[in-house]
C-alpha atoms as a PDB file:
ATOM      1  CA  MET A   1       0.000   0.000   0.000  1.00  0.00           C
ATOM      2  CA  VAL A   2       1.267   3.457  -0.775  1.00  0.00           C
ATOM      3  CA  ALA A   3       0.141   6.232   1.518  1.00  0.00           C
ATOM      4  CA  ARG A   4       0.783   9.875   0.800  1.00  0.00           C
ATOM      5  CA  HIS A   5       1.385  12.436   3.485  1.00  0.00           C
ATOM      6  CA  GLU A   6       0.472  15.963   2.515  1.00  0.00           C
ATOM      7  CA  THR A   7       1.599  19.228   4.007  1.00  0.00           C
ATOM      8  CA  HIS A   8       0.799  22.877   3.663  1.00  0.00           C
ATOM      9  CA  PRO A   9       1.890  24.227   0.256  1.00  0.00           C
ATOM     10  CA  GLY A  10       5.573  24.954   0.017  1.00  0.00           C
ATOM     11  CA  SER A  11       6.768  22.570   2.714  1.00  0.00           C
ATOM     12  CA  ALA A  12       8.564  19.315   2.076  1.00  0.00           C
ATOM     13  CA  ALA A  13       6.649  16.150   2.865  1.00  0.00           C
ATOM     14  CA  ALA A  14       9.867  14.407   3.889  1.00  0.00           C
ATOM     15  CA  ALA A  15      10.327  17.033   6.615  1.00  0.00           C
ATOM     16  CA  GLY A  16       7.338  15.781   8.602  1.00  0.00           C
ATOM     17  CA  PRO A  17       7.791  15.007  12.278  1.00  0.00           C
ATOM     18  CA  ALA A  18       9.336  11.627  12.984  1.00  0.00           C
ATOM     19  CA  GLU A  19       6.239  10.382  14.808  1.00  0.00           C
ATOM     20  CA  PHE A  20       4.053  11.269  11.824  1.00  0.00           C
ATOM     21  CA  ARG A  21       6.362   9.607   9.302  1.00  0.00           C
ATOM     22  CA  ALA A  22       6.440   6.471  11.476  1.00  0.00           C
ATOM     23  CA  ALA A  23       2.634   6.425  11.695  1.00  0.00           C
ATOM     24  CA  VAL A  24       2.339   6.722   7.906  1.00  0.00           C
ATOM     25  CA  GLU A  25       4.836   3.900   7.469  1.00  0.00           C
ATOM     26  CA  SER A  26       2.748   1.704   9.773  1.00  0.00           C
ATOM     27  CA  MET A  27      -0.287   2.289   7.521  1.00  0.00           C
ATOM     28  CA  ARG A  28       1.615   0.468   4.772  1.00  0.00           C
ATOM     29  CA  ARG A  29       1.866  -2.650   6.927  1.00  0.00           C
ATOM     30  CA  ALA A  30      -1.896  -3.144   7.141  1.00  0.00           C
ATOM     31  CA  ALA A  31      -3.230  -6.364   5.585  1.00  0.00           C
ATOM     32  CA  LEU A  32      -6.585  -5.959   3.858  1.00  0.00           C
ATOM     33  CA  ARG A  33      -8.855  -8.590   2.367  1.00  0.00           C
ATOM     34  CA  PRO A  34      -8.407  -9.339  -1.358  1.00  0.00           C
ATOM     35  CA  GLU A  35     -11.801  -7.762  -2.068  1.00  0.00           C
ATOM     36  CA  VAL A  36     -10.447  -4.398  -0.952  1.00  0.00           C
ATOM     37  CA  PHE A  37      -8.641  -2.334  -3.586  1.00  0.00           C
ATOM     38  CA  CYS A  38      -6.741   0.367  -1.696  1.00  0.00           C
ATOM     39  CA  GLU A  39      -4.637   3.236  -2.988  1.00  0.00           C
ATOM     40  CA  GLU A  40      -3.317   6.621  -1.973  1.00  0.00           C
ATOM     41  CA  MET A  41      -5.337   9.787  -2.441  1.00  0.00           C
ATOM     42  CA  PRO A  42      -4.533  13.482  -1.949  1.00  0.00           C
ATOM     43  CA  ALA A  43      -4.942  14.367   1.710  1.00  0.00           C
ATOM     44  CA  PRO A  44      -6.647  17.548   2.906  1.00  0.00           C
ATOM     45  CA  GLN A  45      -4.124  20.288   3.608  1.00  0.00           C
ATOM     46  CA  ARG A  46      -6.050  22.735   5.765  1.00  0.00           C
ATOM     47  CA  ILE A  47      -7.448  20.565   8.542  1.00  0.00           C
ATOM     48  CA  ALA A  48      -4.106  19.811  10.208  1.00  0.00           C
ATOM     49  CA  PRO A  49      -0.423  20.607   9.636  1.00  0.00           C
ATOM     50  CA  TRP A  50       0.214  17.024   8.486  1.00  0.00           C
ATOM     51  CA  SER A  51      -2.083  14.435   6.928  1.00  0.00           C
ATOM     52  CA  SER A  52      -2.083  11.135   5.038  1.00  0.00           C
ATOM     53  CA  ALA A  53      -5.021   9.644   3.156  1.00  0.00           C
ATOM     54  CA  LEU A  54      -6.163   6.348   1.649  1.00  0.00           C
ATOM     55  CA  SER A  55      -9.163   5.456  -0.492  1.00  0.00           C
ATOM     56  CA  ALA A  56     -10.579   2.018  -1.143  1.00  0.00           C
ATOM     57  CA  ASP A  57     -13.258   0.159  -3.072  1.00  0.00           C
ATOM     58  CA  VAL A  58     -14.741  -3.206  -2.122  1.00  0.00           C
ATOM     59  CA  THR A  59     -15.131  -5.240  -5.310  1.00  0.00           C
ATOM     60  CA  VAL A  60     -16.676  -8.685  -5.735  1.00  0.00           C
ATOM     61  CA  ASP A  61     -16.895 -10.344  -9.165  1.00  0.00           C
ATOM     62  CA  ASP A  62     -15.860  -7.057 -10.811  1.00  0.00           C
ATOM     63  CA  GLU A  63     -18.746  -5.216  -9.128  1.00  0.00           C
ATOM     64  CA  ASP A  64     -18.008  -2.291  -6.825  1.00  0.00           C
ATOM     65  CA  LEU A  65     -20.176  -2.755  -3.737  1.00  0.00           C
ATOM     66  CA  GLY A  66     -18.730  -0.136  -1.450  1.00  0.00           C
ATOM     67  CA  THR A  67     -16.152   2.588  -1.074  1.00  0.00           C
ATOM     68  CA  GLY A  68     -14.347   4.420   1.682  1.00  0.00           C
ATOM     69  CA  ARG A  69     -11.661   6.842   2.771  1.00  0.00           C
ATOM     70  CA  LEU A  70      -9.351   7.008   5.766  1.00  0.00           C
ATOM     71  CA  ILE A  71      -7.438  10.155   6.694  1.00  0.00           C
ATOM     72  CA  LEU A  72      -4.786  10.440   9.385  1.00  0.00           C
ATOM     73  CA  LEU A  73      -4.358  13.943  10.767  1.00  0.00           C
ATOM     74  CA  HIS A  74      -1.457  15.111  12.911  1.00  0.00           C
ATOM     75  CA  ASP A  75      -0.919  18.313  14.850  1.00  0.00           C
ATOM     76  CA  PRO A  76       2.278  18.176  16.930  1.00  0.00           C
ATOM     77  CA  ALA A  77       0.934  21.000  19.118  1.00  0.00           C
ATOM     78  CA  GLY A  78      -2.109  18.948  20.043  1.00  0.00           C
ATOM     79  CA  ASN A  79      -5.769  19.673  19.481  1.00  0.00           C
ATOM     80  CA  ASP A  80      -8.245  20.056  22.329  1.00  0.00           C
ATOM     81  CA  ALA A  81     -11.111  18.790  20.183  1.00  0.00           C
ATOM     82  CA  TRP A  82      -9.163  15.604  19.431  1.00  0.00           C
ATOM     83  CA  ASP A  83      -7.768  15.135  22.951  1.00  0.00           C
ATOM     84  CA  GLY A  84      -4.464  14.226  21.320  1.00  0.00           C
ATOM     85  CA  THR A  85      -2.044  14.969  18.516  1.00  0.00           C
ATOM     86  CA  PHE A  86      -3.462  12.467  15.997  1.00  0.00           C
ATOM     87  CA  ARG A  87      -6.971  11.998  14.623  1.00  0.00           C
ATOM     88  CA  CYS A  88      -8.456   9.374  12.293  1.00  0.00           C
ATOM     89  CA  VAL A  89     -11.285  10.419   9.983  1.00  0.00           C
ATOM     90  CA  ALA A  90     -13.095   7.602   8.192  1.00  0.00           C
ATOM     91  CA  TYR A  91     -15.860   7.293   5.638  1.00  0.00           C
ATOM     92  CA  ALA A  92     -17.563   4.173   4.305  1.00  0.00           C
ATOM     93  CA  ARG A  93     -20.481   3.825   1.882  1.00  0.00           C
ATOM     94  CA  ALA A  94     -22.122   0.596   0.791  1.00  0.00           C
ATOM     95  CA  ASP A  95     -25.081  -0.594  -1.243  1.00  0.00           C
ATOM     96  CA  ILE A  96     -27.472  -2.574   0.949  1.00  0.00           C
ATOM     97  CA  ASP A  97     -30.724  -4.456   0.592  1.00  0.00           C
ATOM     98  CA  PRO A  98     -33.659  -1.998   0.605  1.00  0.00           C
ATOM     99  CA  GLU A  99     -35.350  -4.047   3.337  1.00  0.00           C
ATOM    100  CA  LEU A 100     -32.304  -3.587   5.531  1.00  0.00           C
ATOM    101  CA  GLY A 101     -32.372   0.113   4.750  1.00  0.00           C
ATOM    102  CA  ALA A 102     -35.856   0.316   6.240  1.00  0.00           C
ATOM    103  CA  ASP A 103     -34.733  -1.207   9.539  1.00  0.00           C
ATOM    104  CA  PRO A 104     -34.921   1.478  12.284  1.00  0.00           C
ATOM    105  CA  MET A 105     -31.989  -0.185  14.039  1.00  0.00           C
ATOM    106  CA  LEU A 106     -29.673   0.145  11.042  1.00  0.00           C
ATOM    107  CA  ALA A 107     -27.956   3.311  12.294  1.00  0.00           C
ATOM    108  CA  ALA A 108     -27.050   1.750  15.641  1.00  0.00           C
ATOM    109  CA  VAL A 109     -25.935  -1.448  13.940  1.00  0.00           C
ATOM    110  CA  GLY A 110     -23.852   0.528  11.458  1.00  0.00           C
ATOM    111  CA  TRP A 111     -22.025   2.300  14.272  1.00  0.00           C
ATOM    112  CA  SER A 112     -21.387  -1.041  15.976  1.00  0.00           C
ATOM    113  CA  TRP A 113     -19.689  -2.262  12.791  1.00  0.00           C
ATOM    114  CA  LEU A 114     -17.029   0.384  13.367  1.00  0.00           C
ATOM    115  CA  THR A 115     -16.554  -0.042  17.109  1.00  0.00           C
ATOM    116  CA  GLU A 116     -16.516  -3.830  16.889  1.00  0.00           C
ATOM    117  CA  ALA A 117     -13.963  -3.733  14.053  1.00  0.00           C
ATOM    118  CA  LEU A 118     -11.681  -1.456  16.065  1.00  0.00           C
ATOM    119  CA  GLU A 119     -12.002  -3.722  19.088  1.00  0.00           C
ATOM    120  CA  ALA A 120     -11.476  -6.917  17.087  1.00  0.00           C
ATOM    121  CA  HIS A 121      -8.227  -5.598  15.612  1.00  0.00           C
ATOM    122  CA  GLY A 122      -6.943  -4.237  18.911  1.00  0.00           C
ATOM    123  CA  ALA A 123      -7.006  -0.627  17.723  1.00  0.00           C
ATOM    124  CA  ASP A 124      -6.981   1.401  20.944  1.00  0.00           C
ATOM    125  CA  TYR A 125      -8.743   4.746  20.684  1.00  0.00           C
ATOM    126  CA  HIS A 126     -10.865   7.333  22.463  1.00  0.00           C
ATOM    127  CA  ALA A 127     -13.078  10.372  21.743  1.00  0.00           C
ATOM    128  CA  ALA A 128     -14.975   8.686  18.920  1.00  0.00           C
ATOM    129  CA  SER A 129     -17.828  10.478  17.162  1.00  0.00           C
ATOM    130  CA  GLY A 130     -19.731  10.156  13.921  1.00  0.00           C
ATOM    131  CA  THR A 131     -22.947   9.630  12.020  1.00  0.00           C
ATOM    132  CA  VAL A 132     -24.687   6.793  10.204  1.00  0.00           C
ATOM    133  CA  THR A 133     -27.016   7.728   7.347  1.00  0.00           C
ATOM    134  CA  CYS A 134     -29.256   5.497   5.275  1.00  0.00           C
ATOM    135  CA  VAL A 135     -30.562   6.679   1.908  1.00  0.00           C
ATOM    136  CA  THR A 136     -33.347   4.758   0.178  1.00  0.00           C
ATOM    137  CA  THR A 137     -34.655   5.377  -3.321  1.00  0.00           C
ATOM    138  CA  GLU A 138     -37.979   4.319  -4.796  1.00  0.00           C
ATOM    139  CA  SER A 139     -39.140   4.960  -8.359  1.00  0.00           C
ATOM    140  CA  PHE A 140     -42.599   6.048  -9.484  1.00  0.00           C
ATOM    141  CA  GLY A 141     -44.573   6.787 -12.640  1.00  0.00           C
ATOM    142  CA  GLY A 142     -42.700   5.861 -15.775  1.00  0.00           C
ATOM    143  CA  MET A 143     -39.845   4.516 -13.648  1.00  0.00           C
ATOM    144  CA  ALA A 144     -42.024   2.408 -11.355  1.00  0.00           C
ATOM    145  CA  ASP A 145     -40.621  -0.844 -12.749  1.00  0.00           C
ATOM    146  CA  GLU A 146     -37.150  -0.025 -11.453  1.00  0.00           C
ATOM    147  CA  GLU A 147     -36.175  -1.731  -8.230  1.00  0.00           C
ATOM    148  CA  GLY A 148     -35.651   0.319  -5.111  1.00  0.00           C
ATOM    149  CA  THR A 149     -32.113   0.885  -3.869  1.00  0.00           C
ATOM    150  CA  ALA A 150     -30.535   1.713  -0.538  1.00  0.00           C
ATOM    151  CA  GLN A 151     -27.149   2.863   0.690  1.00  0.00           C
ATOM    152  CA  VAL A 152     -25.638   3.245   4.124  1.00  0.00           C
ATOM    153  CA  GLU A 153     -22.983   5.886   4.859  1.00  0.00           C
ATOM    154  CA  ILE A 154     -20.795   5.872   7.945  1.00  0.00           C
ATOM    155  CA  ARG A 155     -18.766   8.942   8.815  1.00  0.00           C
ATOM    156  CA  ALA A 156     -16.612   8.724  11.908  1.00  0.00           C
ATOM    157  CA  SER A 157     -13.567  10.105  13.616  1.00  0.00           C
ATOM    158  CA  TRP A 158     -11.579   8.933  16.602  1.00  0.00           C
ATOM    159  CA  THR A 159      -8.316   9.662  18.377  1.00  0.00           C
ATOM    160  CA  PRO A 160      -5.915   6.700  18.138  1.00  0.00           C
ATOM    161  CA  ASP A 161      -3.990   6.013  21.315  1.00  0.00           C
ATOM    162  CA  VAL A 162      -0.219   6.488  21.209  1.00  0.00           C
ATOM    163  CA  ASP A 163       2.323   4.594  23.287  1.00  0.00           C
ATOM    164  CA  ASP A 164       4.228   6.034  26.227  1.00  0.00           C
ATOM    165  CA  GLY A 165       6.798   7.482  23.854  1.00  0.00           C
ATOM    166  CA  GLY A 166       4.196   9.257  21.727  1.00  0.00           C
ATOM    167  CA  ALA A 167       4.499   6.796  18.825  1.00  0.00           C
ATOM    168  CA  LEU A 168       1.443   5.650  16.878  1.00  0.00           C
ATOM    169  CA  ASP A 169       1.014   2.298  15.136  1.00  0.00           C
ATOM    170  CA  MET A 170      -1.791   2.724  12.582  1.00  0.00           C
ATOM    171  CA  THR A 171      -1.800  -0.871  11.321  1.00  0.00           C
ATOM    172  CA  ALA A 172      -4.784  -2.031  13.366  1.00  0.00           C
ATOM    173  CA  HIS A 173      -6.767   1.123  12.600  1.00  0.00           C
ATOM    174  CA  VAL A 174      -6.361   0.674   8.832  1.00  0.00           C
ATOM    175  CA  GLU A 175      -7.316  -2.996   9.093  1.00  0.00           C
ATOM    176  CA  ALA A 176     -10.404  -2.111  11.157  1.00  0.00           C
ATOM    177  CA  TRP A 177     -11.436   0.425   8.509  1.00  0.00           C
ATOM    178  CA  GLY A 178     -11.079  -2.268   5.867  1.00  0.00           C
ATOM    179  CA  GLU A 179     -13.239  -4.623   7.913  1.00  0.00           C
ATOM    180  CA  LEU A 180     -15.855  -1.901   8.367  1.00  0.00           C
ATOM    181  CA  MET A 181     -16.234  -1.587   4.598  1.00  0.00           C
ATOM    182  CA  CYS A 182     -16.435  -5.346   4.102  1.00  0.00           C
ATOM    183  CA  THR A 183     -19.054  -5.710   6.827  1.00  0.00           C
ATOM    184  CA  ALA A 184     -21.094  -2.858   5.385  1.00  0.00           C
ATOM    185  CA  VAL A 185     -21.328  -4.533   1.969  1.00  0.00           C
ATOM    186  CA  GLY A 186     -22.339  -7.821   3.565  1.00  0.00           C
ATOM    187  CA  LEU A 187     -19.204  -9.932   3.165  1.00  0.00           C
ATOM    188  CA  ALA A 188     -18.986 -12.815   5.593  1.00  0.00           C
ATOM    189  CA  PRO A 189     -16.261 -12.397   8.213  1.00  0.00           C
ATOM    190  CA  VAL A 190     -13.060 -14.363   7.818  1.00  0.00           C
ATOM    191  CA  PRO A 191     -13.348 -17.429  10.098  1.00  0.00           C
ATOM    192  CA  GLU A 192     -11.321 -17.220  13.289  1.00  0.00           C
ATOM    193  CA  GLY A 193      -7.887 -18.725  12.835  1.00  0.00           C
ATOM    194  CA  VAL A 194      -7.927 -18.218   9.059  1.00  0.00           C
ATOM    195  CA  ILE A 195      -5.661 -15.545   7.621  1.00  0.00           C
ATOM    196  CA  ALA A 196      -7.001 -13.882   4.490  1.00  0.00           C
ATOM    197  CA  ILE A 197      -4.516 -13.431   1.665  1.00  0.00           C
ATOM    198  CA  PRO A 198      -4.156  -9.643   1.465  1.00  0.00           C
ATOM    199  CA  SER A 199      -4.782  -7.775  -1.733  1.00  0.00           C
ATOM    200  CA  ARG A 200      -2.007  -6.221  -3.782  1.00  0.00           C
ATOM    201  CA  ARG A 201      -2.622  -2.511  -3.402  1.00  0.00           C
ATOM    202  CA  GLY A 202      -2.974  -0.479  -6.526  1.00  0.00           C
ATOM    203  CA  GLN A 203      -3.899  -3.413  -8.766  1.00  0.00           C
ATOM    204  CA  ARG A 204      -7.505  -4.345  -9.415  1.00  0.00           C
ATOM    205  CA  GLY A 205      -8.459  -7.948  -9.828  1.00  0.00           C
ATOM    206  CA  THR A 206      -5.411  -9.329  -8.033  1.00  0.00           C
END
């Protein structure tokens, strides 16, 4: 996986703080399921002094079922709103069965997909917040024969815990984000004790 860290215009990316560069390097060690096609994307430059961003699509049988983004923000001076110097910002969108979209519990279940993925991968964090939105579409009149559709969108942010030396290992957080997307599109979880062969980032269909 190739992750890009962006800075304010005019500064050199290689001059980022050591703890940020180490966190970005740890993002490259994450193992994602073969259904997840992950690549770098331009990171926002105005939210924090330093940032790195990934985008991903979940593809099964050449059909894109879901998409997502994960952004790592870093402010060496700290941020009161984050309660830390790092912040993860995640987005996941997936096509779902319209009947599931009508379930009033979907929002709560969608949020549990994130928290359970973070817990399952041992990604320690605090100060989590976010929203879960379901959008359903029904057709009428001349389009009445078209089937209804539904999508769920999960937007979340959390502060990843650093170790006693201030270092951050992002591996588990990236893997949890990947699991969130796979769960959202309805893929069965990998059985316990079975290690999924990770995808080759940047190459579809491999």
